[in-house]
Amino acid sequence: MASKTILSAVALLVACGGAPRYPLAAPLANDTDRRPVTVECEERPSDKDPKHVACAPEPYVSPLVWDAADNSIFRPLARVFAVDPAGEAVNVNAFDEVPDSAWFENRLGAGKLTREELLRGACSEEEMLDPASAAPGSFVIDQGKANGASAGFRIKVAGKRKYMLKTDTKQQPERPSAASAIGAAIYHAVGFNTSCEQVVYLDPSVLRLEPGLEVTDNTGVTRSFDHAALGRVLGQATHRGGLVRLQASAWLPGYLIGPFRYEGTRSDDPNDVIAHEDRRDLRGARVLAAWINHFDAREQNTMDSWIAVNGKVKDSSPGFVRHYYLDTSDSFGSEWMDDGISRRLGSSYLLDFGDIATDFVTLGVKSEPWERAERTPGMEDFGYFHHRDFDPEDWKNEYPNPAFSRASERDNAWMARILSRFERDDIRALVTLGRFSDPAQAAFLSGVLEGRLERIVERYLLRLSPLADARVEGDVLAFTDLARHRSVRPDSSFKYRAALAAPDGVRAVRPNVGTAGGVRVTLPHGVFGAGVAANDASRYRVVTIDNGVSRYALRAHLYDLGASGGFRLVGIERPEQSFDDLAKERVEP
């Protein structure tokens, strides 16, 4: 594919001398924020022990109303007068990826998951519930659920963890519990920490209520949780024959210390040193939330847990904080009592000053997505969830999220590259976790998810380079073109070009196209004297490559260690520059 045009362009590149941009070192693969640290002890009285001493971070109670007001009103107003240059994310390594951490663990982005891994999600073997084989009275109810959109209660099962069991709603039977199980499995596959979520059908006879239980709601009202209260909860649930459909959420491990915030750091966690709004994993989660319309992605639906080295004393030191995403039950078309709000979910904030201003200036003439929103006949349980008017760039959650608001093109493209690895069969398999009674509902949801994912890859894989999985195999630099793998354009549209810059000049190198999006570039070795160090600047190489479809090219940085040592890949860049522009750049020392 080399041409005289390419050769004349890349000839403008200059050898890489002096101090190379990337050192001869492996990229950071693991953050240090899972190392055990010690937290100062303090008296923290409990009902069981008035003089109890805890050596763990103090639990944080997230104020629901204040969080909504702060992010909807006060923060937008403050930003009008603030100088707040949103830069690129901080927790990114030399390969333009996010290292494993207490927040995120590369799973789907690091390799293909087996079907079993995909469907198990965050559930361990011990956490899987099997109500069909449970003995009568073996699911002991030890706590009622006082708040939230869904009624429920907590159970403890011998040999397993505790679980919160919740019902669906009468308005949308099966959707909330299905959204919780499917959404949690998706978040886990992507790389986030989640709870184990399952949809279960159980015979009420397996439940046994502990006597004397009470629940206190957010208003301070305390009520008994007795057999009558349990009957009201089960009466709200969806039934299949004599079985009750419930969502089972496994209790998280460790000492729970409340939600994490989408900005700042936690002052009592020595490992928490990167401002949350500057984390790529939290920023990029915006695209994931947009895909499934998880508009309720806010701090109340997260949880931090102190994982003590001494697991028998959960609030002891040393330990570390693990960060969890919770509750995706509002995904896939959740509706509010007000139809006007339901139509806007995913397209506008609950209080959206920008949309208000637009309506004022245009006198309401501009057609908005929520005005065109329609329920799909026969699929009303999914509300207005569809891919027809879905625009991932314009998607909005319930109210502004500090991390989402700072997401850059690189952050969004990073998440889109991960999501693009979900195959159609993967999506259909994940939807089975919802255990829908009607196969048509499962088919509908699979189709909408695939349609929305196509919009995401169309938007984010055609600007920054979608080449991923960069690796050296002998003398070959290999990639996977995720845009071609996802068939974003016909195969005939992909025209690959590559150039190699070395101290002795610049040359065009020919990419070879393989199957499943594979691209391979064979690199020639230089000649080095016996005393030239492995990290000497004379060994530095830069390969620029594009696919002829995406707007911008990719640059791979390597060291040439000779015929016996091969090449060492040390850095990946996805600049917002085309191949031709990069080919004209001088690579200075």
Foldseek 3Di string as FASTA:
>chain_A
DDDPVLFVLLQLAAFFADADPFFQDAKAAEAPQFPWDWFDKDQDADPVGHRDIFGADAADDDDPVCQQCCQFPVVVVVVVPDDDDQDAFDQAIQALHHHDYLFWHAALQVHDDDLVLLLQQQPDPQADDDQVPADFAQFEFDAFDADDPWGWTWTCHPSHFIKIKTADAPQQALQLLLQQSLVRSVCRNRTGAAWGKFKDWHQCRNYDYDPPYWDAHPVRDIDHCDPVVVVVNQVRHDHDVNITIIMITGDDAFAWRAFDAQFDFDPRFPSTDGTNLSHLVSQQCLLVCLLQLLLVPGRNQKIKHWPAPPSVRRRGDTTGIRIYGHRSSCTQQRADPDLLVSLCRFQAAPNHPVVVVVCVVVVNPDDGNSVVFDADVPQCSSPRQALPPRASVRTHHHGDGSNNVSRDLSSNLNSLLSLLSQDLVSLLSSSVSSVDPDVVNSVRVSVRSVSSNLNSCLPRCQFWPSWDPFDDDQQKTKTARSCVLSCNDPPVQWDKWKKKHANVGIDTWDWDADPSRMIMTGDDADDDDPPQDQRRSRQKMKMWMHGNGHAAIKIWIWGRPDNVVHIRTRRIDGDRHHPSVVSNDYNYD
